[in-house]
C-alpha atoms as a PDB file:
ATOM      1  CA  MET A   1     -20.859 -17.634  11.802  1.00  0.00           C
ATOM      2  CA  VAL A   2     -22.826 -14.797  10.227  1.00  0.00           C
ATOM      3  CA  VAL A   3     -20.095 -12.326  11.184  1.00  0.00           C
ATOM      4  CA  ALA A   4     -17.446 -14.595   9.663  1.00  0.00           C
ATOM      5  CA  LEU A   5     -19.419 -14.819   6.421  1.00  0.00           C
ATOM      6  CA  GLY A   6     -19.814 -11.060   6.377  1.00  0.00           C
ATOM      7  CA  ILE A   7     -16.099 -10.489   6.901  1.00  0.00           C
ATOM      8  CA  PHE A   8     -15.304 -13.014   4.151  1.00  0.00           C
ATOM      9  CA  ALA A   9     -17.667 -11.240   1.758  1.00  0.00           C
ATOM     10  CA  LEU A  10     -16.140  -7.882   2.669  1.00  0.00           C
ATOM     11  CA  GLY A  11     -12.628  -9.188   2.044  1.00  0.00           C
ATOM     12  CA  TYR A  12     -13.560 -10.892  -1.225  1.00  0.00           C
ATOM     13  CA  GLY A  13     -15.435  -7.864  -2.522  1.00  0.00           C
ATOM     14  CA  SER A  14     -12.800  -5.324  -1.528  1.00  0.00           C
ATOM     15  CA  GLY A  15     -10.033  -7.492  -3.006  1.00  0.00           C
ATOM     16  CA  THR A  16     -11.871  -7.817  -6.304  1.00  0.00           C
ATOM     17  CA  CYS A  17     -12.568  -4.093  -6.383  1.00  0.00           C
ATOM     18  CA  ASP A  18      -8.935  -3.373  -5.593  1.00  0.00           C
ATOM     19  CA  VAL A  19      -7.745  -5.262  -8.666  1.00  0.00           C
ATOM     20  CA  ALA A  20     -10.344  -3.552 -10.854  1.00  0.00           C
ATOM     21  CA  MET A  21      -9.451  -0.095  -9.528  1.00  0.00           C
ATOM     22  CA  ASN A  22      -5.737  -0.613 -10.134  1.00  0.00           C
ATOM     23  CA  VAL A  23      -6.358  -1.880 -13.672  1.00  0.00           C
ATOM     24  CA  GLU A  24      -8.574   1.138 -14.354  1.00  0.00           C
ATOM     25  CA  ALA A  25      -6.042   3.547 -12.824  1.00  0.00           C
ATOM     26  CA  ALA A  26      -3.304   2.056 -14.999  1.00  0.00           C
ATOM     27  CA  ALA A  27      -5.490   2.533 -18.080  1.00  0.00           C
ATOM     28  CA  VAL A  28      -6.033   6.183 -17.153  1.00  0.00           C
ATOM     29  CA  GLU A  29      -2.301   6.558 -16.602  1.00  0.00           C
ATOM     30  CA  ARG A  30      -1.509   5.148 -20.052  1.00  0.00           C
ATOM     31  CA  ARG A  31      -3.941   7.489 -21.763  1.00  0.00           C
ATOM     32  CA  LEU A  32      -2.598  10.523 -19.902  1.00  0.00           C
ATOM     33  CA  GLY A  33       0.945   9.599 -20.834  1.00  0.00           C
ATOM     34  CA  ARG A  34       2.322  10.448 -17.399  1.00  0.00           C
ATOM     35  CA  THR A  35       2.554   8.845 -13.968  1.00  0.00           C
ATOM     36  CA  ILE A  36      -0.543   9.191 -11.805  1.00  0.00           C
ATOM     37  CA  MET A  37      -1.041   5.829 -10.096  1.00  0.00           C
ATOM     38  CA  PRO A  38       0.593   6.925  -6.797  1.00  0.00           C
ATOM     39  CA  ARG A  39      -1.951   9.723  -6.492  1.00  0.00           C
ATOM     40  CA  PHE A  40      -4.789   7.218  -6.605  1.00  0.00           C
ATOM     41  CA  HIS A  41      -3.074   5.408  -3.750  1.00  0.00           C
ATOM     42  CA  ALA A  42      -2.667   8.728  -1.950  1.00  0.00           C
ATOM     43  CA  ALA A  43      -6.461   8.984  -2.076  1.00  0.00           C
ATOM     44  CA  TRP A  44      -6.584   5.553  -0.428  1.00  0.00           C
ATOM     45  CA  SER A  45      -4.314   6.870   2.347  1.00  0.00           C
ATOM     46  CA  LEU A  46      -6.618   9.835   2.825  1.00  0.00           C
ATOM     47  CA  GLY A  47      -9.545   7.428   2.975  1.00  0.00           C
ATOM     48  CA  THR A  48      -7.956   5.516   5.843  1.00  0.00           C
ATOM     49  CA  VAL A  49      -7.491   8.741   7.783  1.00  0.00           C
ATOM     50  CA  ALA A  50     -11.060   9.820   7.025  1.00  0.00           C
ATOM     51  CA  GLY A  51     -12.411   6.415   8.054  1.00  0.00           C
ATOM     52  CA  ALA A  52     -10.513   6.528  11.330  1.00  0.00           C
ATOM     53  CA  GLY A  53     -11.781  10.026  12.009  1.00  0.00           C
ATOM     54  CA  ILE A  54     -15.385   9.141  11.242  1.00  0.00           C
ATOM     55  CA  GLY A  55     -15.118   6.031  13.404  1.00  0.00           C
ATOM     56  CA  ALA A  56     -13.732   8.044  16.293  1.00  0.00           C
ATOM     57  CA  GLY A  57     -16.478  10.613  15.856  1.00  0.00           C
ATOM     58  CA  GLY A  58     -19.181   7.945  15.818  1.00  0.00           C
ATOM     59  CA  ALA A  59     -17.785   6.406  18.986  1.00  0.00           C
ATOM     60  CA  ARG A  60     -17.631   9.798  20.665  1.00  0.00           C
ATOM     61  CA  VAL A  61     -21.314  10.561  20.044  1.00  0.00           C
ATOM     62  CA  GLY A  62     -22.348   7.029  21.002  1.00  0.00           C
ATOM     63  CA  LEU A  63     -23.483   5.892  17.544  1.00  0.00           C
ATOM     64  CA  PRO A  64     -24.336   2.175  17.721  1.00  0.00           C
ATOM     65  CA  LEU A  65     -21.910  -0.023  15.828  1.00  0.00           C
ATOM     66  CA  ALA A  66     -24.630  -1.597  13.688  1.00  0.00           C
ATOM     67  CA  ALA A  67     -25.904   1.821  12.612  1.00  0.00           C
ATOM     68  CA  HIS A  68     -22.366   2.964  11.882  1.00  0.00           C
ATOM     69  CA  LEU A  69     -21.667  -0.057   9.656  1.00  0.00           C
ATOM     70  CA  ILE A  70     -24.976   0.290   7.804  1.00  0.00           C
ATOM     71  CA  LEU A  71     -24.321   3.973   7.117  1.00  0.00           C
ATOM     72  CA  ALA A  72     -20.743   3.239   6.001  1.00  0.00           C
ATOM     73  CA  ALA A  73     -21.925   0.470   3.678  1.00  0.00           C
ATOM     74  CA  GLY A  74     -24.543   2.781   2.170  1.00  0.00           C
ATOM     75  CA  VAL A  75     -22.002   5.532   1.537  1.00  0.00           C
ATOM     76  CA  MET A  76     -19.524   3.098  -0.019  1.00  0.00           C
ATOM     77  CA  LEU A  77     -22.182   1.552  -2.256  1.00  0.00           C
ATOM     78  CA  ALA A  78     -23.427   4.936  -3.445  1.00  0.00           C
ATOM     79  CA  GLY A  79     -19.883   6.193  -4.037  1.00  0.00           C
ATOM     80  CA  THR A  80     -18.947   3.082  -6.002  1.00  0.00           C
ATOM     81  CA  LEU A  81     -22.021   3.274  -8.217  1.00  0.00           C
ATOM     82  CA  VAL A  82     -21.235   6.895  -9.021  1.00  0.00           C
ATOM     83  CA  ALA A  83     -17.511   6.320  -9.587  1.00  0.00           C
ATOM     84  CA  VAL A  84     -17.781   3.361 -11.960  1.00  0.00           C
ATOM     85  CA  ARG A  85     -19.951   5.427 -14.306  1.00  0.00           C
ATOM     86  CA  SER A  86     -16.780   7.405 -15.099  1.00  0.00           C
ATOM     87  CA  PHE A  87     -14.647   4.344 -15.889  1.00  0.00           C
ATOM     88  CA  LEU A  88     -13.132   4.291 -19.351  1.00  0.00           C
ATOM     89  CA  PRO A  89     -15.136   2.319 -21.909  1.00  0.00           C
ATOM     90  CA  ALA A  90     -13.705  -0.966 -23.140  1.00  0.00           C
ATOM     91  CA  ASP A  91     -11.528  -0.608 -26.233  1.00  0.00           C
ATOM     92  CA  PRO A  92     -12.975  -2.880 -28.959  1.00  0.00           C
ATOM     93  CA  ASP A  93      -9.665  -2.764 -30.849  1.00  0.00           C
ATOM     94  CA  ALA A  94      -7.558  -3.894 -27.859  1.00  0.00           C
ATOM     95  CA  PRO A  95      -5.872  -7.285 -28.304  1.00  0.00           C
ATOM     96  CA  SER A  96      -7.597 -10.118 -26.513  1.00  0.00           C
ATOM     97  CA  GLU A  97      -6.131 -11.753 -23.426  1.00  0.00           C
ATOM     98  CA  LYS A  98      -3.550 -14.402 -24.204  1.00  0.00           C
ATOM     99  CA  SER A  99      -4.463 -17.966 -23.450  1.00  0.00           C
ATOM    100  CA  GLY A 100      -3.931 -19.102 -19.900  1.00  0.00           C
ATOM    101  CA  GLY A 101      -5.143 -15.942 -18.161  1.00  0.00           C
ATOM    102  CA  VAL A 102      -4.211 -15.818 -14.493  1.00  0.00           C
ATOM    103  CA  LEU A 103      -2.498 -19.215 -14.531  1.00  0.00           C
ATOM    104  CA  ALA A 104      -0.170 -18.027 -17.279  1.00  0.00           C
ATOM    105  CA  ALA A 105       0.598 -14.864 -15.297  1.00  0.00           C
ATOM    106  CA  TRP A 106       1.711 -17.012 -12.362  1.00  0.00           C
ATOM    107  CA  ARG A 107       4.425 -18.465 -14.627  1.00  0.00           C
ATOM    108  CA  GLU A 108       5.838 -15.107 -15.760  1.00  0.00           C
ATOM    109  CA  PRO A 109       9.142 -14.276 -14.026  1.00  0.00           C
ATOM    110  CA  ARG A 110       8.669 -10.496 -14.314  1.00  0.00           C
ATOM    111  CA  THR A 111       5.193 -10.640 -12.794  1.00  0.00           C
ATOM    112  CA  LEU A 112       6.429 -12.747  -9.880  1.00  0.00           C
ATOM    113  CA  LEU A 113       9.388 -10.431  -9.252  1.00  0.00           C
ATOM    114  CA  ILE A 114       7.067  -7.417  -9.205  1.00  0.00           C
ATOM    115  CA  GLY A 115       4.811  -9.318  -6.823  1.00  0.00           C
ATOM    116  CA  LEU A 116       7.730  -9.955  -4.461  1.00  0.00           C
ATOM    117  CA  LEU A 117       8.673  -6.273  -4.574  1.00  0.00           C
ATOM    118  CA  VAL A 118       5.094  -5.276  -3.766  1.00  0.00           C
ATOM    119  CA  LEU A 119       5.067  -7.824  -0.925  1.00  0.00           C
ATOM    120  CA  ILE A 120       8.154  -6.252   0.656  1.00  0.00           C
ATOM    121  CA  MET A 121       6.838  -2.731   0.242  1.00  0.00           C
ATOM    122  CA  ALA A 122       3.443  -3.755   1.631  1.00  0.00           C
ATOM    123  CA  PHE A 123       5.266  -5.260   4.620  1.00  0.00           C
ATOM    124  CA  THR A 124       7.225  -2.019   5.038  1.00  0.00           C
ATOM    125  CA  GLU A 125       4.001  -0.011   5.018  1.00  0.00           C
ATOM    126  CA  GLY A 126       1.880  -2.484   6.958  1.00  0.00           C
ATOM    127  CA  THR A 127       4.396  -2.882   9.777  1.00  0.00           C
ATOM    128  CA  ALA A 128       4.154   0.833  10.467  1.00  0.00           C
ATOM    129  CA  ASN A 129       0.365   0.772  10.209  1.00  0.00           C
ATOM    130  CA  ASP A 130       0.072  -2.083  12.720  1.00  0.00           C
ATOM    131  CA  TRP A 131       2.920  -1.528  15.164  1.00  0.00           C
ATOM    132  CA  LEU A 132       4.354   1.980  14.970  1.00  0.00           C
ATOM    133  CA  ALA A 133       2.170   3.602  17.629  1.00  0.00           C
ATOM    134  CA  VAL A 134       2.549   0.641  20.011  1.00  0.00           C
ATOM    135  CA  ALA A 135       6.323   0.545  19.461  1.00  0.00           C
ATOM    136  CA  PHE A 136       6.728   4.216  20.292  1.00  0.00           C
ATOM    137  CA  VAL A 137       4.634   3.915  23.441  1.00  0.00           C
ATOM    138  CA  ASP A 138       6.520   0.830  24.628  1.00  0.00           C
ATOM    139  CA  GLY A 139      10.012   1.602  23.332  1.00  0.00           C
ATOM    140  CA  HIS A 140      10.331   5.386  23.335  1.00  0.00           C
ATOM    141  CA  GLU A 141       7.993   5.660  26.335  1.00  0.00           C
ATOM    142  CA  VAL A 142       5.798   8.374  24.837  1.00  0.00           C
ATOM    143  CA  THR A 143       2.159   8.853  25.742  1.00  0.00           C
ATOM    144  CA  GLU A 144      -0.584   7.050  23.857  1.00  0.00           C
ATOM    145  CA  ALA A 145      -1.609  10.365  22.307  1.00  0.00           C
ATOM    146  CA  ALA A 146       1.965  10.889  21.094  1.00  0.00           C
ATOM    147  CA  GLY A 147       1.982   7.343  19.741  1.00  0.00           C
ATOM    148  CA  ALA A 148      -1.173   8.086  17.755  1.00  0.00           C
ATOM    149  CA  ALA A 149       0.379  11.328  16.513  1.00  0.00           C
ATOM    150  CA  THR A 150       3.443   9.367  15.395  1.00  0.00           C
ATOM    151  CA  PHE A 151       1.244   7.158  13.243  1.00  0.00           C
ATOM    152  CA  GLY A 152      -0.418  10.284  11.871  1.00  0.00           C
ATOM    153  CA  VAL A 153       2.986  11.590  10.788  1.00  0.00           C
ATOM    154  CA  PHE A 154       3.659   8.332   8.957  1.00  0.00           C
ATOM    155  CA  VAL A 155       0.335   8.407   7.096  1.00  0.00           C
ATOM    156  CA  ALA A 156       0.777  12.088   6.215  1.00  0.00           C
ATOM    157  CA  ALA A 157       4.286  11.387   4.898  1.00  0.00           C
ATOM    158  CA  MET A 158       2.962   8.462   2.837  1.00  0.00           C
ATOM    159  CA  THR A 159       0.276  10.673   1.340  1.00  0.00           C
ATOM    160  CA  ALA A 160       2.747  13.445   0.531  1.00  0.00           C
ATOM    161  CA  GLY A 161       5.190  10.966  -1.006  1.00  0.00           C
ATOM    162  CA  ARG A 162       2.505   9.501  -3.231  1.00  0.00           C
ATOM    163  CA  THR A 163       1.289  12.920  -4.293  1.00  0.00           C
ATOM    164  CA  ALA A 164       4.693  14.365  -5.138  1.00  0.00           C
ATOM    165  CA  GLY A 165       6.358  11.116  -6.182  1.00  0.00           C
ATOM    166  CA  THR A 166       4.694  11.132  -9.587  1.00  0.00           C
ATOM    167  CA  ILE A 167       6.911  14.064 -10.575  1.00  0.00           C
ATOM    168  CA  ALA A 168      10.056  12.174  -9.571  1.00  0.00           C
ATOM    169  CA  ILE A 169       9.011   9.057 -11.505  1.00  0.00           C
ATOM    170  CA  ASP A 170       8.302  11.010 -14.688  1.00  0.00           C
ATOM    171  CA  ARG A 171      11.631  12.813 -14.378  1.00  0.00           C
ATOM    172  CA  TRP A 172      13.985  10.031 -13.280  1.00  0.00           C
ATOM    173  CA  GLY A 173      12.082   6.843 -14.088  1.00  0.00           C
ATOM    174  CA  ARG A 174      10.744   4.023 -11.954  1.00  0.00           C
ATOM    175  CA  VAL A 175      13.994   2.217 -11.224  1.00  0.00           C
ATOM    176  CA  ARG A 176      16.009   5.206 -10.045  1.00  0.00           C
ATOM    177  CA  THR A 177      13.134   6.686  -8.042  1.00  0.00           C
ATOM    178  CA  LEU A 178      12.278   3.413  -6.312  1.00  0.00           C
ATOM    179  CA  THR A 179      15.924   2.716  -5.513  1.00  0.00           C
ATOM    180  CA  VAL A 180      16.300   6.096  -3.803  1.00  0.00           C
ATOM    181  CA  THR A 181      12.999   5.845  -1.927  1.00  0.00           C
ATOM    182  CA  ILE A 182      13.795   2.341  -0.663  1.00  0.00           C
ATOM    183  CA  PHE A 183      17.046   3.671   0.788  1.00  0.00           C
ATOM    184  CA  ILE A 184      15.074   6.521   2.368  1.00  0.00           C
ATOM    185  CA  ALA A 185      12.587   4.071   3.898  1.00  0.00           C
ATOM    186  CA  GLY A 186      15.363   1.910   5.336  1.00  0.00           C
ATOM    187  CA  ALA A 187      17.221   4.884   6.779  1.00  0.00           C
ATOM    188  CA  GLY A 188      14.009   6.301   8.201  1.00  0.00           C
ATOM    189  CA  ALA A 189      13.119   3.039   9.929  1.00  0.00           C
ATOM    190  CA  LEU A 190      16.610   2.819  11.449  1.00  0.00           C
ATOM    191  CA  ILE A 191      16.365   6.372  12.766  1.00  0.00           C
ATOM    192  CA  ALA A 192      12.858   5.764  14.114  1.00  0.00           C
ATOM    193  CA  VAL A 193      14.062   2.772  16.134  1.00  0.00           C
ATOM    194  CA  LEU A 194      17.540   3.856  17.209  1.00  0.00           C
ATOM    195  CA  ALA A 195      17.060   7.588  17.873  1.00  0.00           C
ATOM    196  CA  SER A 196      17.458   8.650  21.473  1.00  0.00           C
ATOM    197  CA  SER A 197      14.814  11.374  21.337  1.00  0.00           C
ATOM    198  CA  TRP A 198      11.197  11.317  20.189  1.00  0.00           C
ATOM    199  CA  ALA A 199      11.699  14.352  17.931  1.00  0.00           C
ATOM    200  CA  VAL A 200      14.535  12.696  15.990  1.00  0.00           C
ATOM    201  CA  ALA A 201      12.622   9.401  15.869  1.00  0.00           C
ATOM    202  CA  LEU A 202       9.636  11.296  14.493  1.00  0.00           C
ATOM    203  CA  ALA A 203      11.799  12.636  11.667  1.00  0.00           C
ATOM    204  CA  GLY A 204      12.751   9.038  10.949  1.00  0.00           C
ATOM    205  CA  VAL A 205       9.082   8.095  10.798  1.00  0.00           C
ATOM    206  CA  ALA A 206       8.498  10.833   8.219  1.00  0.00           C
ATOM    207  CA  LEU A 207      11.372   9.509   6.092  1.00  0.00           C
ATOM    208  CA  TRP A 208      10.005   5.987   6.488  1.00  0.00           C
ATOM    209  CA  GLY A 209       6.612   7.120   5.230  1.00  0.00           C
ATOM    210  CA  VAL A 210       7.989   8.985   2.217  1.00  0.00           C
ATOM    211  CA  GLY A 211      10.302   6.105   1.343  1.00  0.00           C
ATOM    212  CA  ALA A 212       7.578   3.474   1.561  1.00  0.00           C
ATOM    213  CA  SER A 213       5.031   5.470  -0.404  1.00  0.00           C
ATOM    214  CA  LEU A 214       5.792   4.517  -4.010  1.00  0.00           C
ATOM    215  CA  GLY A 215       6.626   0.799  -4.030  1.00  0.00           C
ATOM    216  CA  PHE A 216       3.071  -0.527  -3.955  1.00  0.00           C
ATOM    217  CA  PRO A 217       1.503   1.804  -6.569  1.00  0.00           C
ATOM    218  CA  VAL A 218       4.482   1.621  -8.915  1.00  0.00           C
ATOM    219  CA  GLY A 219       4.368  -2.169  -8.695  1.00  0.00           C
ATOM    220  CA  MET A 220       0.722  -2.106  -9.724  1.00  0.00           C
ATOM    221  CA  SER A 221       1.512   0.207 -12.647  1.00  0.00           C
ATOM    222  CA  ALA A 222       4.331  -2.071 -13.755  1.00  0.00           C
ATOM    223  CA  ALA A 223       2.084  -5.142 -13.601  1.00  0.00           C
ATOM    224  CA  ALA A 224      -0.413  -3.361 -15.844  1.00  0.00           C
ATOM    225  CA  ASP A 225       2.057  -2.086 -18.458  1.00  0.00           C
ATOM    226  CA  GLU A 226       0.536  -4.268 -21.183  1.00  0.00           C
ATOM    227  CA  GLU A 227      -3.157  -3.443 -21.170  1.00  0.00           C
ATOM    228  CA  HIS A 228      -4.483  -6.748 -22.532  1.00  0.00           C
ATOM    229  CA  ARG A 229      -2.664  -8.672 -19.751  1.00  0.00           C
ATOM    230  CA  ALA A 230      -3.249  -6.150 -16.978  1.00  0.00           C
ATOM    231  CA  PRO A 231      -6.177  -7.856 -15.166  1.00  0.00           C
ATOM    232  CA  ALA A 232      -4.393 -11.199 -14.800  1.00  0.00           C
ATOM    233  CA  ARG A 233      -1.037  -9.714 -13.840  1.00  0.00           C
ATOM    234  CA  VAL A 234      -2.440  -7.193 -11.371  1.00  0.00           C
ATOM    235  CA  SER A 235      -4.441  -9.939  -9.677  1.00  0.00           C
ATOM    236  CA  VAL A 236      -1.300 -12.073  -9.277  1.00  0.00           C
ATOM    237  CA  VAL A 237       0.739  -9.159  -7.923  1.00  0.00           C
ATOM    238  CA  ALA A 238      -2.097  -8.265  -5.543  1.00  0.00           C
ATOM    239  CA  VAL A 239      -2.302 -11.809  -4.175  1.00  0.00           C
ATOM    240  CA  ILE A 240       1.445 -11.932  -3.562  1.00  0.00           C
ATOM    241  CA  GLY A 241       1.584  -8.421  -2.141  1.00  0.00           C
ATOM    242  CA  TYR A 242      -1.369  -8.810   0.200  1.00  0.00           C
ATOM    243  CA  THR A 243       0.323 -11.804   1.808  1.00  0.00           C
ATOM    244  CA  ALA A 244       2.349  -9.207   3.723  1.00  0.00           C
ATOM    245  CA  PHE A 245      -0.793  -7.865   5.388  1.00  0.00           C
ATOM    246  CA  LEU A 246      -1.680 -11.404   6.465  1.00  0.00           C
ATOM    247  CA  ALA A 247       1.736 -12.626   7.635  1.00  0.00           C
ATOM    248  CA  GLY A 248       3.412  -9.367   8.640  1.00  0.00           C
ATOM    249  CA  PRO A 249       1.584  -8.482  11.879  1.00  0.00           C
ATOM    250  CA  PRO A 250       2.077 -11.864  13.601  1.00  0.00           C
ATOM    251  CA  LEU A 251       5.715 -12.009  12.467  1.00  0.00           C
ATOM    252  CA  VAL A 252       6.510  -8.636  13.997  1.00  0.00           C
ATOM    253  CA  GLY A 253       4.466  -9.579  17.068  1.00  0.00           C
ATOM    254  CA  LEU A 254       6.500 -12.752  17.591  1.00  0.00           C
ATOM    255  CA  LEU A 255       9.724 -10.799  17.272  1.00  0.00           C
ATOM    256  CA  GLY A 256       8.360  -8.177  19.634  1.00  0.00           C
ATOM    257  CA  ASP A 257       7.721 -10.797  22.304  1.00  0.00           C
ATOM    258  CA  ARG A 258      11.430 -11.669  22.221  1.00  0.00           C
ATOM    259  CA  VAL A 259      13.223  -8.362  21.698  1.00  0.00           C
ATOM    260  CA  GLY A 260      10.571  -5.700  22.309  1.00  0.00           C
ATOM    261  CA  THR A 261       8.185  -4.115  19.830  1.00  0.00           C
ATOM    262  CA  LEU A 262      10.442  -1.195  18.960  1.00  0.00           C
ATOM    263  CA  LYS A 263      13.502  -3.316  18.185  1.00  0.00           C
ATOM    264  CA  ALA A 264      11.322  -5.714  16.200  1.00  0.00           C
ATOM    265  CA  LEU A 265      10.803  -2.899  13.694  1.00  0.00           C
ATOM    266  CA  LEU A 266      14.440  -3.323  12.656  1.00  0.00           C
ATOM    267  CA  ILE A 267      13.204  -6.129  10.432  1.00  0.00           C
ATOM    268  CA  VAL A 268      11.986  -3.420   8.037  1.00  0.00           C
ATOM    269  CA  PRO A 269      15.405  -2.117   6.873  1.00  0.00           C
ATOM    270  CA  LEU A 270      16.645  -5.704   6.841  1.00  0.00           C
ATOM    271  CA  ILE A 271      13.889  -6.910   4.523  1.00  0.00           C
ATOM    272  CA  LEU A 272      14.277  -3.855   2.273  1.00  0.00           C
ATOM    273  CA  LEU A 273      17.761  -4.963   1.188  1.00  0.00           C
ATOM    274  CA  PRO A 274      16.546  -7.708  -1.204  1.00  0.00           C
ATOM    275  CA  ALA A 275      13.937  -5.287  -2.556  1.00  0.00           C
ATOM    276  CA  LEU A 276      16.728  -3.340  -4.240  1.00  0.00           C
ATOM    277  CA  ALA A 277      17.485  -6.348  -6.449  1.00  0.00           C
ATOM    278  CA  LEU A 278      13.820  -6.552  -7.481  1.00  0.00           C
ATOM    279  CA  VAL A 279      13.411  -2.921  -8.543  1.00  0.00           C
ATOM    280  CA  PRO A 280      14.662  -3.428 -12.172  1.00  0.00           C
ATOM    281  CA  ALA A 281      11.639  -5.678 -12.787  1.00  0.00           C
ATOM    282  CA  THR A 282       9.451  -2.545 -12.794  1.00  0.00           C
ATOM    283  CA  ARG A 283      11.177  -1.208 -15.908  1.00  0.00           C
ATOM    284  CA  ARG A 284       8.649  -0.802 -18.714  1.00  0.00           C
ATOM    285  CA  PRO A 285       8.961  -3.659 -21.255  1.00  0.00           C
ATOM    286  CA  PRO A 286       9.641  -2.720 -24.909  1.00  0.00           C
ATOM    287  CA  SER A 287       6.275  -4.123 -25.989  1.00  0.00           C
ATOM    288  CA  ALA A 288       4.291  -1.848 -23.657  1.00  0.00           C
END
């Protein structure tokens, strides 16, 4: 029971922080006058790699789990307290939130369409995070070490796509860039599943990672286009998008039980098709 309460508190706190961080990142982006949100999400990708590495190191030296969690919590608390001191101050001249707050945001068609796009892109990313290594071990019959390396290629490609993707967005706009990257993600997933050799499949994984890298951060930027409505809209988009992390793993697992884990990954290019129709919702509104 205590563990369940702790996990609930962790989820609630991290979810709340996630909304606040995306709202703050969008505010920084607006003041800079250029796209930078994907680079904040690239830092998140680096954090996952760092966390996995630290966890592996702690396990290797025999660090007790309780000590590891206490140390991690201390580092996160200290880092958060330092980081929030650099947040932008509130603008006293900013227009106040419209009546209705979050409930009103749930009735906005554009916000819901962005949320659905983020859900699909989160599913595209999360499926690889949860199943890619297992699928390559089971389907392509590589070693467990090679399966782990495959996941590393995906994360590295995601990070690179988020770092360099800001240039593409500023040059060609959100809609064109997202359309191209969604096609890249779909093609990469197809290659990763259908390739007859691990090397070619690995190239597909890299394309998958690059293609999936921009949907989530661009969706958050789009939700926060109008600063006075950003908190409510980002929270709605986050709730919709994070549903993919809850429902995605069991869905792919059920499919994997029937057709094999590797073939189950074909759901990714299939689900990306409707995402193309949702991309225009990310276009910046005239009032922003």
